Amino acid sequence: MLYRKLTISDEAIEKLIEHVDMIECEYPAKLIEILDQVRNFTEYTTECFEKFPEDKSVHKWLCSSSLNIDQLLSTTLIQFARFEGFINEDNEIVDRVK
């Protein structure tokens, strides 16, 4: 898998999923779903490097664009989590009160 610079980790997403039922809006779940699709697309483009070497430059560009989208979605999710109090000022996920 490609290195994802400045993106939210899969572990952090799992922790956020534990919190999303605390709000009525489906916004975080939808963002996580889109992020998962973007990451699947990124994986797909990297597989195309070897399958279609004649189009390698196009696939590299698509992969780079996909990684930019990943970063934007990750930043959006993190900021949302801050707004909702799921992440504190030290960027640590706040334990859910049960």
Protein backbone atom coordinates (compact mmCIF):
# COMPACT_ATOMS: atom_id res chain seq x y z
CA MET A 1 0.00 0.00 0.00
CA LEU A 2 1.13 3.53 -0.69
CA TYR A 3 2.22 5.75 2.15
CA ARG A 4 -0.58 8.11 3.11
CA LYS A 5 1.01 11.33 4.26
CA LEU A 6 -1.10 13.39 6.65
CA THR A 7 -4.19 11.24 6.45
CA ILE A 8 -6.33 9.74 9.15
CA SER A 9 -5.34 6.22 10.11
CA ASP A 10 -7.62 3.22 9.85
CA GLU A 11 -7.33 2.83 13.63
CA ALA A 12 -8.52 6.41 14.18
CA ILE A 13 -11.43 5.84 11.82
CA GLU A 14 -12.46 2.78 13.83
CA LYS A 15 -12.38 4.88 17.01
CA LEU A 16 -14.48 7.60 15.37
CA ILE A 17 -17.02 5.02 14.26
CA GLU A 18 -17.54 4.22 17.95
CA HIS A 19 -18.73 7.83 18.40
CA VAL A 20 -20.87 8.48 15.34
CA ASP A 21 -24.07 7.13 16.83
CA MET A 22 -23.92 9.95 19.39
CA ILE A 23 -25.17 12.41 16.78
CA GLU A 24 -28.20 12.20 14.55
CA CYS A 25 -26.52 13.42 11.37
CA GLU A 26 -25.08 10.73 9.09
CA TYR A 27 -22.32 13.08 7.95
CA PRO A 28 -19.37 11.25 9.56
CA ALA A 29 -20.54 7.84 8.34
CA LYS A 30 -20.96 9.19 4.81
CA LEU A 31 -17.49 10.78 4.88
CA ILE A 32 -15.94 7.54 6.12
CA GLU A 33 -17.72 5.66 3.33
CA ILE A 34 -16.39 8.09 0.70
CA LEU A 35 -12.90 7.91 2.20
CA ASP A 36 -13.00 4.12 1.99
CA GLN A 37 -13.99 4.35 -1.68
CA VAL A 38 -11.16 6.80 -2.37
CA ARG A 39 -8.65 4.50 -0.68
CA ASN A 40 -9.92 1.55 -2.71
CA PHE A 41 -9.52 3.62 -5.86
CA THR A 42 -5.96 4.52 -4.84
CA GLU A 43 -5.16 0.83 -4.42
CA TYR A 44 -6.72 0.09 -7.78
CA THR A 45 -4.63 2.76 -9.54
CA THR A 46 -1.41 1.36 -8.07
CA GLU A 47 -2.30 -2.10 -9.38
CA CYS A 48 -2.65 -0.55 -12.84
CA PHE A 49 1.01 0.55 -12.87
CA GLU A 50 2.11 -2.96 -13.75
CA LYS A 51 -1.01 -4.11 -15.60
CA PHE A 52 -0.94 -1.18 -18.02
CA PRO A 53 2.64 0.10 -18.21
CA GLU A 54 1.87 2.13 -21.33
CA ASP A 55 -0.53 4.24 -19.23
CA LYS A 56 1.68 4.48 -16.17
CA SER A 57 1.85 8.28 -16.23
CA VAL A 58 -1.94 8.57 -16.25
CA HIS A 59 -2.28 6.10 -13.39
CA LYS A 60 0.38 7.92 -11.36
CA TRP A 61 -1.52 11.15 -11.88
CA LEU A 62 -4.79 9.48 -10.83
CA CYS A 63 -3.10 8.00 -7.79
CA SER A 64 -1.66 11.37 -6.80
CA SER A 65 -5.05 13.02 -7.21
CA SER A 66 -6.66 10.28 -5.15
CA LEU A 67 -4.14 10.80 -2.37
CA ASN A 68 -4.95 14.52 -2.38
CA ILE A 69 -8.64 13.69 -1.99
CA ASP A 70 -7.74 11.30 0.85
CA GLN A 71 -5.90 14.10 2.61
CA LEU A 72 -8.80 16.54 2.19
CA LEU A 73 -11.34 14.00 3.48
CA SER A 74 -9.06 13.05 6.38
CA THR A 75 -8.67 16.69 7.38
CA THR A 76 -12.43 17.19 7.14
CA LEU A 77 -13.10 14.14 9.34
CA ILE A 78 -10.55 15.23 11.92
CA GLN A 79 -11.95 18.76 12.07
CA PHE A 80 -15.48 17.38 12.36
CA ALA A 81 -14.36 15.15 15.22
CA ARG A 82 -12.90 18.19 16.97
CA PHE A 83 -16.15 20.13 16.53
CA GLU A 84 -18.08 17.23 18.06
CA GLY A 85 -15.59 16.77 20.92
CA PHE A 86 -14.39 13.33 19.79
CA ILE A 87 -10.79 14.58 19.51
CA ASN A 88 -9.16 16.83 22.10
CA GLU A 89 -6.70 19.70 21.64
CA ASP A 90 -3.81 17.18 21.77
CA ASN A 91 -5.26 15.26 18.79
CA GLU A 92 -6.16 12.32 21.00
CA ILE A 93 -9.45 10.53 20.60
CA VAL A 94 -11.58 11.13 23.69
CA ASP A 95 -12.87 7.97 25.31
CA ARG A 96 -16.59 7.62 24.91
CA VAL A 97 -18.59 7.91 28.10
CA LYS A 98 -20.76 4.82 28.36
